[in-house]
Amino acid sequence: MRCFKLTVAGLILVCGYAWITSTIAAEKLRDPTEPLGHIKVSKQTQVLKLQGIFSNSGKSKALINGINVYEGEQFLGNLMLRIEKNRVVYLRNGETLTLSLWRSIRK
């Protein structure tokens, strides 16, 4: 009889542990390296920052958010239409938009 009581107690303990761990795993854990109050932005709504425009042999590329992008490429859900001397024209959700270089960067 004593063995049966220990087995039932052990079973209750294991079931309780399984329930607690599944409850904790179901909660969304916060990344400890992110600042408090940080809001993640999806790729579709990410702000585009034009950092530079480079031209070599007639082929231009733009540095946007630290990544080289060429005309006709898709970048973060946007289609890069034209890369001009001081700006990039792109298409987002059917709307034509423009990124311009800061005046201090323009040559």
C-alpha atoms as a PDB file:
ATOM      1  CA  MET A   1       0.000   0.000   0.000  1.00  0.00           C
ATOM      2  CA  ARG A   2       2.848   2.344   0.819  1.00  0.00           C
ATOM      3  CA  CYS A   3       4.347   1.797  -2.641  1.00  0.00           C
ATOM      4  CA  PHE A   4       1.003   2.746  -4.232  1.00  0.00           C
ATOM      5  CA  LYS A   5       0.876   6.020  -2.234  1.00  0.00           C
ATOM      6  CA  LEU A   6       4.385   6.962  -3.406  1.00  0.00           C
ATOM      7  CA  THR A   7       3.511   6.194  -7.014  1.00  0.00           C
ATOM      8  CA  VAL A   8       0.359   8.334  -6.879  1.00  0.00           C
ATOM      9  CA  ALA A   9       2.310  11.161  -5.218  1.00  0.00           C
ATOM     10  CA  GLY A  10       5.029  10.866  -7.859  1.00  0.00           C
ATOM     11  CA  LEU A  11       2.461  10.922 -10.636  1.00  0.00           C
ATOM     12  CA  ILE A  12       0.826  14.043  -9.202  1.00  0.00           C
ATOM     13  CA  LEU A  13       4.237  15.703  -8.881  1.00  0.00           C
ATOM     14  CA  VAL A  14       5.201  14.889 -12.490  1.00  0.00           C
ATOM     15  CA  CYS A  15       1.835  16.083 -13.841  1.00  0.00           C
ATOM     16  CA  GLY A  16       2.093  19.317 -11.869  1.00  0.00           C
ATOM     17  CA  TYR A  17       5.612  19.933 -13.155  1.00  0.00           C
ATOM     18  CA  ALA A  18       4.494  19.276 -16.764  1.00  0.00           C
ATOM     19  CA  TRP A  19       1.580  21.703 -16.405  1.00  0.00           C
ATOM     20  CA  ILE A  20       3.782  24.460 -14.938  1.00  0.00           C
ATOM     21  CA  THR A  21       6.468  24.125 -17.620  1.00  0.00           C
ATOM     22  CA  SER A  22       3.907  24.108 -20.442  1.00  0.00           C
ATOM     23  CA  THR A  23       2.304  27.251 -18.999  1.00  0.00           C
ATOM     24  CA  ILE A  24       5.669  29.029 -18.822  1.00  0.00           C
ATOM     25  CA  ALA A  25       6.588  27.934 -22.355  1.00  0.00           C
ATOM     26  CA  ALA A  26       3.280  29.271 -23.670  1.00  0.00           C
ATOM     27  CA  GLU A  27       4.093  32.776 -22.418  1.00  0.00           C
ATOM     28  CA  LYS A  28       6.113  34.958 -24.776  1.00  0.00           C
ATOM     29  CA  LEU A  29       9.581  35.428 -23.381  1.00  0.00           C
ATOM     30  CA  ARG A  30      11.213  38.829 -23.794  1.00  0.00           C
ATOM     31  CA  ASP A  31      14.648  39.060 -25.372  1.00  0.00           C
ATOM     32  CA  PRO A  32      16.873  40.183 -22.473  1.00  0.00           C
ATOM     33  CA  THR A  33      19.132  42.176 -24.830  1.00  0.00           C
ATOM     34  CA  GLU A  34      16.312  44.433 -26.087  1.00  0.00           C
ATOM     35  CA  PRO A  35      15.695  47.724 -24.285  1.00  0.00           C
ATOM     36  CA  LEU A  36      12.511  47.863 -22.221  1.00  0.00           C
ATOM     37  CA  GLY A  37       9.599  49.219 -24.228  1.00  0.00           C
ATOM     38  CA  HIS A  38      11.218  48.242 -27.551  1.00  0.00           C
ATOM     39  CA  ILE A  39       8.700  47.643 -30.344  1.00  0.00           C
ATOM     40  CA  LYS A  40       9.730  45.381 -33.209  1.00  0.00           C
ATOM     41  CA  VAL A  41       8.929  46.687 -36.663  1.00  0.00           C
ATOM     42  CA  SER A  42       7.990  44.244 -39.392  1.00  0.00           C
ATOM     43  CA  LYS A  43       9.832  44.217 -42.712  1.00  0.00           C
ATOM     44  CA  GLN A  44       6.826  45.688 -44.501  1.00  0.00           C
ATOM     45  CA  THR A  45       6.671  48.759 -42.261  1.00  0.00           C
ATOM     46  CA  GLN A  46      10.384  49.223 -41.629  1.00  0.00           C
ATOM     47  CA  VAL A  47      11.642  52.771 -42.132  1.00  0.00           C
ATOM     48  CA  LEU A  48      13.999  53.053 -45.091  1.00  0.00           C
ATOM     49  CA  LYS A  49      17.086  55.199 -44.582  1.00  0.00           C
ATOM     50  CA  LEU A  50      19.061  56.217 -47.656  1.00  0.00           C
ATOM     51  CA  GLN A  51      22.724  56.372 -46.655  1.00  0.00           C
ATOM     52  CA  GLY A  52      24.439  56.799 -49.998  1.00  0.00           C
ATOM     53  CA  ILE A  53      24.268  56.494 -53.782  1.00  0.00           C
ATOM     54  CA  PHE A  54      27.133  55.091 -55.824  1.00  0.00           C
ATOM     55  CA  SER A  55      27.558  54.943 -59.601  1.00  0.00           C
ATOM     56  CA  ASN A  56      30.096  52.914 -61.565  1.00  0.00           C
ATOM     57  CA  SER A  57      30.032  52.473 -65.356  1.00  0.00           C
ATOM     58  CA  GLY A  58      26.462  53.696 -65.563  1.00  0.00           C
ATOM     59  CA  LYS A  59      25.167  51.167 -63.024  1.00  0.00           C
ATOM     60  CA  SER A  60      23.946  52.837 -59.844  1.00  0.00           C
ATOM     61  CA  LYS A  61      23.390  51.309 -56.454  1.00  0.00           C
ATOM     62  CA  ALA A  62      21.954  52.769 -53.280  1.00  0.00           C
ATOM     63  CA  LEU A  63      22.963  52.031 -49.714  1.00  0.00           C
ATOM     64  CA  ILE A  64      19.690  51.657 -47.804  1.00  0.00           C
ATOM     65  CA  ASN A  65      19.660  50.529 -44.166  1.00  0.00           C
ATOM     66  CA  GLY A  66      23.255  49.334 -44.627  1.00  0.00           C
ATOM     67  CA  ILE A  67      22.485  47.105 -47.644  1.00  0.00           C
ATOM     68  CA  ASN A  68      23.400  47.674 -51.312  1.00  0.00           C
ATOM     69  CA  VAL A  69      20.271  47.839 -53.464  1.00  0.00           C
ATOM     70  CA  TYR A  70      20.018  48.051 -57.272  1.00  0.00           C
ATOM     71  CA  GLU A  71      17.258  49.299 -59.601  1.00  0.00           C
ATOM     72  CA  GLY A  72      14.542  46.714 -60.158  1.00  0.00           C
ATOM     73  CA  GLU A  73      15.290  44.880 -56.913  1.00  0.00           C
ATOM     74  CA  GLN A  74      12.797  44.086 -54.193  1.00  0.00           C
ATOM     75  CA  PHE A  75      13.978  45.322 -50.798  1.00  0.00           C
ATOM     76  CA  LEU A  76      11.932  44.849 -47.616  1.00  0.00           C
ATOM     77  CA  GLY A  77       8.724  44.595 -49.632  1.00  0.00           C
ATOM     78  CA  ASN A  78       9.514  47.633 -51.811  1.00  0.00           C
ATOM     79  CA  LEU A  79      10.373  47.706 -55.518  1.00  0.00           C
ATOM     80  CA  MET A  80      13.285  50.019 -56.320  1.00  0.00           C
ATOM     81  CA  LEU A  81      12.202  51.835 -59.503  1.00  0.00           C
ATOM     82  CA  ARG A  82      15.008  54.371 -60.120  1.00  0.00           C
ATOM     83  CA  ILE A  83      18.271  55.326 -58.496  1.00  0.00           C
ATOM     84  CA  GLU A  84      19.096  58.920 -59.382  1.00  0.00           C
ATOM     85  CA  LYS A  85      21.953  61.247 -58.399  1.00  0.00           C
ATOM     86  CA  ASN A  86      20.439  62.376 -55.068  1.00  0.00           C
ATOM     87  CA  ARG A  87      17.369  60.202 -54.589  1.00  0.00           C
ATOM     88  CA  VAL A  88      15.785  56.770 -54.944  1.00  0.00           C
ATOM     89  CA  VAL A  89      12.261  56.307 -56.293  1.00  0.00           C
ATOM     90  CA  TYR A  90      10.503  53.155 -55.088  1.00  0.00           C
ATOM     91  CA  LEU A  91       7.096  51.508 -55.054  1.00  0.00           C
ATOM     92  CA  ARG A  92       5.396  50.422 -51.811  1.00  0.00           C
ATOM     93  CA  ASN A  93       1.876  48.967 -51.856  1.00  0.00           C
ATOM     94  CA  GLY A  94       1.125  50.618 -55.219  1.00  0.00           C
ATOM     95  CA  GLU A  95       2.309  54.054 -54.076  1.00  0.00           C
ATOM     96  CA  THR A  96       5.393  55.731 -55.582  1.00  0.00           C
ATOM     97  CA  LEU A  97       7.659  57.165 -52.872  1.00  0.00           C
ATOM     98  CA  THR A  98      11.046  58.900 -52.798  1.00  0.00           C
ATOM     99  CA  LEU A  99      14.090  58.681 -50.533  1.00  0.00           C
ATOM    100  CA  SER A 100      16.414  61.677 -50.713  1.00  0.00           C
ATOM    101  CA  LEU A 101      19.968  62.193 -49.501  1.00  0.00           C
ATOM    102  CA  TRP A 102      20.575  64.792 -46.823  1.00  0.00           C
ATOM    103  CA  ARG A 103      21.949  68.033 -48.251  1.00  0.00           C
ATOM    104  CA  SER A 104      25.180  67.625 -46.269  1.00  0.00           C
ATOM    105  CA  ILE A 105      25.855  64.322 -48.075  1.00  0.00           C
ATOM    106  CA  ARG A 106      25.049  65.522 -51.600  1.00  0.00           C
ATOM    107  CA  LYS A 107      27.914  66.269 -53.945  1.00  0.00           C
END
